[in-house]
Amino acid sequence: MTNSASQFASQLRQFTGSENWYRHSLNPQVLYTDGAKFVAEEGEAYWLLDIIATTQSVPAVKAEEFQAWKLLVSIDRSATLYCEDGNNNVVFSQPIPYTDFPLYNLMLYFANQVIHLPSEY
């Protein structure tokens, strides 16, 4: 990983739309934006996009047209990934035993089959 946490957070703020959409390899119905690609590449977190894309078959997740995905990383570097319905109701969660993701929290949205940063919505 080439970025410190503050550099990474600063670079995330530059994404205010997306010029490109990328097709997810594990679920070809799911696309992701330039900002989500940046998170995956620079944060070494393709696993995060993989979880979001593959859980679209879980009935409680699939039922939500708009999904807010929150990654919360603890000081011990374990984490939990939550999927909320947009009204702070958790419909799915998954513990992550260890991550070296550079930020302690991150939000991604999933709407219209696209994973994106809130600033790209």
C-alpha atoms as a PDB file:
ATOM      1  CA  MET A   1       0.000   0.000   0.000  1.00  0.00           C
ATOM      2  CA  THR A   2       1.481   3.327  -1.028  1.00  0.00           C
ATOM      3  CA  ASN A   3      -0.739   5.747   0.908  1.00  0.00           C
ATOM      4  CA  SER A   4      -0.870   6.792   4.532  1.00  0.00           C
ATOM      5  CA  ALA A   5      -4.359   6.930   6.024  1.00  0.00           C
ATOM      6  CA  SER A   6      -4.532  10.724   5.719  1.00  0.00           C
ATOM      7  CA  GLN A   7      -3.336  10.653   2.099  1.00  0.00           C
ATOM      8  CA  PHE A   8      -5.811   7.889   1.302  1.00  0.00           C
ATOM      9  CA  ALA A   9      -8.713   9.808   2.863  1.00  0.00           C
ATOM     10  CA  SER A  10      -7.676  12.961   1.030  1.00  0.00           C
ATOM     11  CA  GLN A  11      -7.518  11.138  -2.293  1.00  0.00           C
ATOM     12  CA  LEU A  12     -10.985   9.642  -1.746  1.00  0.00           C
ATOM     13  CA  ARG A  13     -12.424  13.164  -1.628  1.00  0.00           C
ATOM     14  CA  GLN A  14     -11.448  13.737  -5.272  1.00  0.00           C
ATOM     15  CA  PHE A  15     -14.106  11.312  -6.527  1.00  0.00           C
ATOM     16  CA  THR A  16     -17.277  13.241  -7.327  1.00  0.00           C
ATOM     17  CA  GLY A  17     -18.512  11.165 -10.206  1.00  0.00           C
ATOM     18  CA  SER A  18     -17.146   8.394 -12.362  1.00  0.00           C
ATOM     19  CA  GLU A  19     -15.975   8.399 -15.941  1.00  0.00           C
ATOM     20  CA  ASN A  20     -15.754   4.603 -16.020  1.00  0.00           C
ATOM     21  CA  TRP A  21     -17.698   1.643 -14.770  1.00  0.00           C
ATOM     22  CA  TYR A  22     -16.012  -1.710 -14.275  1.00  0.00           C
ATOM     23  CA  ARG A  23     -17.710  -5.104 -14.338  1.00  0.00           C
ATOM     24  CA  HIS A  24     -17.150  -7.267 -11.273  1.00  0.00           C
ATOM     25  CA  SER A  25     -15.583 -10.615 -12.141  1.00  0.00           C
ATOM     26  CA  LEU A  26     -17.453 -12.724  -9.546  1.00  0.00           C
ATOM     27  CA  ASN A  27     -20.865 -11.201 -10.234  1.00  0.00           C
ATOM     28  CA  PRO A  28     -20.997  -9.764 -13.765  1.00  0.00           C
ATOM     29  CA  GLN A  29     -24.325  -8.053 -13.008  1.00  0.00           C
ATOM     30  CA  VAL A  30     -22.484  -5.752 -10.568  1.00  0.00           C
ATOM     31  CA  LEU A  31     -20.532  -2.726 -11.740  1.00  0.00           C
ATOM     32  CA  TYR A  32     -18.224  -0.429  -9.776  1.00  0.00           C
ATOM     33  CA  THR A  33     -16.976   3.104 -10.265  1.00  0.00           C
ATOM     34  CA  ASP A  34     -13.581   4.779 -10.424  1.00  0.00           C
ATOM     35  CA  GLY A  35     -13.807   5.576  -6.702  1.00  0.00           C
ATOM     36  CA  ALA A  36     -14.617   1.995  -5.739  1.00  0.00           C
ATOM     37  CA  LYS A  37     -11.770   0.817  -7.955  1.00  0.00           C
ATOM     38  CA  PHE A  38      -9.437   3.243  -6.167  1.00  0.00           C
ATOM     39  CA  VAL A  39     -10.514   1.794  -2.796  1.00  0.00           C
ATOM     40  CA  ALA A  40      -9.871  -1.739  -4.069  1.00  0.00           C
ATOM     41  CA  GLU A  41      -6.501  -1.002  -5.651  1.00  0.00           C
ATOM     42  CA  GLU A  42      -4.928   1.550  -3.325  1.00  0.00           C
ATOM     43  CA  GLY A  43      -6.510   0.127  -0.167  1.00  0.00           C
ATOM     44  CA  GLU A  44      -5.707  -3.419  -1.265  1.00  0.00           C
ATOM     45  CA  ALA A  45      -9.362  -4.219  -0.705  1.00  0.00           C
ATOM     46  CA  TYR A  46     -10.726  -6.073  -3.700  1.00  0.00           C
ATOM     47  CA  TRP A  47     -12.055  -8.431  -1.035  1.00  0.00           C
ATOM     48  CA  LEU A  48     -14.442  -5.647  -0.003  1.00  0.00           C
ATOM     49  CA  LEU A  49     -15.928  -5.339  -3.493  1.00  0.00           C
ATOM     50  CA  ASP A  50     -16.071  -9.151  -3.666  1.00  0.00           C
ATOM     51  CA  ILE A  51     -18.183  -9.348  -0.498  1.00  0.00           C
ATOM     52  CA  ILE A  52     -20.576  -6.653  -1.698  1.00  0.00           C
ATOM     53  CA  ALA A  53     -20.933  -8.247  -5.141  1.00  0.00           C
ATOM     54  CA  THR A  54     -21.365 -11.820  -3.955  1.00  0.00           C
ATOM     55  CA  THR A  55     -23.833 -11.060  -1.153  1.00  0.00           C
ATOM     56  CA  GLN A  56     -26.310  -9.643  -3.664  1.00  0.00           C
ATOM     57  CA  SER A  57     -27.781 -13.161  -3.734  1.00  0.00           C
ATOM     58  CA  VAL A  58     -28.579 -13.059   0.018  1.00  0.00           C
ATOM     59  CA  PRO A  59     -32.355 -12.447   0.195  1.00  0.00           C
ATOM     60  CA  ALA A  60     -32.226  -9.711   2.870  1.00  0.00           C
ATOM     61  CA  VAL A  61     -29.541  -7.842   0.901  1.00  0.00           C
ATOM     62  CA  LYS A  62     -31.102  -8.389  -2.504  1.00  0.00           C
ATOM     63  CA  ALA A  63     -34.409  -6.968  -1.217  1.00  0.00           C
ATOM     64  CA  GLU A  64     -32.809  -3.544  -0.704  1.00  0.00           C
ATOM     65  CA  GLU A  65     -32.690  -1.298  -3.788  1.00  0.00           C
ATOM     66  CA  PHE A  66     -30.339   1.079  -1.979  1.00  0.00           C
ATOM     67  CA  GLN A  67     -27.632  -0.321   0.265  1.00  0.00           C
ATOM     68  CA  ALA A  68     -25.171   1.517   2.512  1.00  0.00           C
ATOM     69  CA  TRP A  69     -22.099  -0.627   3.201  1.00  0.00           C
ATOM     70  CA  LYS A  70     -20.085   0.389   6.268  1.00  0.00           C
ATOM     71  CA  LEU A  71     -16.671  -1.017   7.073  1.00  0.00           C
ATOM     72  CA  LEU A  72     -15.618  -0.424  10.679  1.00  0.00           C
ATOM     73  CA  VAL A  73     -12.046  -1.384  11.559  1.00  0.00           C
ATOM     74  CA  SER A  74     -11.039  -1.851  15.203  1.00  0.00           C
ATOM     75  CA  ILE A  75      -7.701  -0.916  16.731  1.00  0.00           C
ATOM     76  CA  ASP A  76      -6.732  -4.616  16.760  1.00  0.00           C
ATOM     77  CA  ARG A  77      -7.270  -4.553  12.921  1.00  0.00           C
ATOM     78  CA  SER A  78     -10.316  -6.818  13.028  1.00  0.00           C
ATOM     79  CA  ALA A  79     -13.340  -5.335  11.314  1.00  0.00           C
ATOM     80  CA  THR A  80     -17.026  -5.709  10.668  1.00  0.00           C
ATOM     81  CA  LEU A  81     -18.746  -4.993   7.387  1.00  0.00           C
ATOM     82  CA  TYR A  82     -22.386  -3.932   7.656  1.00  0.00           C
ATOM     83  CA  CYS A  83     -25.024  -3.565   4.983  1.00  0.00           C
ATOM     84  CA  GLU A  84     -27.768  -1.134   5.900  1.00  0.00           C
ATOM     85  CA  ASP A  85     -30.985  -0.297   4.091  1.00  0.00           C
ATOM     86  CA  GLY A  86     -30.335   3.452   3.992  1.00  0.00           C
ATOM     87  CA  ASN A  87     -32.356   3.991   7.184  1.00  0.00           C
ATOM     88  CA  ASN A  88     -29.683   2.624   9.553  1.00  0.00           C
ATOM     89  CA  ASN A  89     -31.291  -0.821   9.690  1.00  0.00           C
ATOM     90  CA  VAL A  90     -28.653  -3.557   9.385  1.00  0.00           C
ATOM     91  CA  VAL A  91     -29.719  -6.282   6.940  1.00  0.00           C
ATOM     92  CA  PHE A  92     -26.357  -8.105   6.765  1.00  0.00           C
ATOM     93  CA  SER A  93     -23.068  -8.105   8.637  1.00  0.00           C
ATOM     94  CA  GLN A  94     -19.837 -10.002   8.293  1.00  0.00           C
ATOM     95  CA  PRO A  95     -16.880 -10.100  10.676  1.00  0.00           C
ATOM     96  CA  ILE A  96     -13.437  -9.643   9.123  1.00  0.00           C
ATOM     97  CA  PRO A  97     -10.781 -11.320  11.315  1.00  0.00           C
ATOM     98  CA  TYR A  98      -7.957  -9.087  10.067  1.00  0.00           C
ATOM     99  CA  THR A  99      -7.481  -6.251   7.614  1.00  0.00           C
ATOM    100  CA  ASP A 100      -4.730  -3.791   6.880  1.00  0.00           C
ATOM    101  CA  PHE A 101      -7.194  -1.391   5.257  1.00  0.00           C
ATOM    102  CA  PRO A 102      -5.784   2.124   5.811  1.00  0.00           C
ATOM    103  CA  LEU A 103      -8.938   3.746   7.265  1.00  0.00           C
ATOM    104  CA  TYR A 104     -10.891   2.911  10.408  1.00  0.00           C
ATOM    105  CA  ASN A 105     -14.188   3.399   8.616  1.00  0.00           C
ATOM    106  CA  LEU A 106     -15.450   3.553   5.083  1.00  0.00           C
ATOM    107  CA  MET A 107     -18.847   3.853   3.467  1.00  0.00           C
ATOM    108  CA  LEU A 108     -19.772   2.551   0.043  1.00  0.00           C
ATOM    109  CA  TYR A 109     -23.182   2.648  -1.594  1.00  0.00           C
ATOM    110  CA  PHE A 110     -24.761   0.009  -3.794  1.00  0.00           C
ATOM    111  CA  ALA A 111     -27.618   1.197  -5.972  1.00  0.00           C
ATOM    112  CA  ASN A 112     -28.770   0.322  -9.486  1.00  0.00           C
ATOM    113  CA  GLN A 113     -26.300  -2.589  -9.509  1.00  0.00           C
ATOM    114  CA  VAL A 114     -23.322  -0.200  -9.008  1.00  0.00           C
ATOM    115  CA  ILE A 115     -20.854  -0.009  -6.094  1.00  0.00           C
ATOM    116  CA  HIS A 116     -19.699   3.570  -5.533  1.00  0.00           C
ATOM    117  CA  LEU A 117     -18.460   6.099  -3.016  1.00  0.00           C
ATOM    118  CA  PRO A 118     -21.090   8.361  -1.452  1.00  0.00           C
ATOM    119  CA  SER A 119     -19.497  11.307  -3.278  1.00  0.00           C
ATOM    120  CA  GLU A 120     -20.131   9.531  -6.589  1.00  0.00           C
ATOM    121  CA  TYR A 121     -23.837   8.978  -5.891  1.00  0.00           C
END
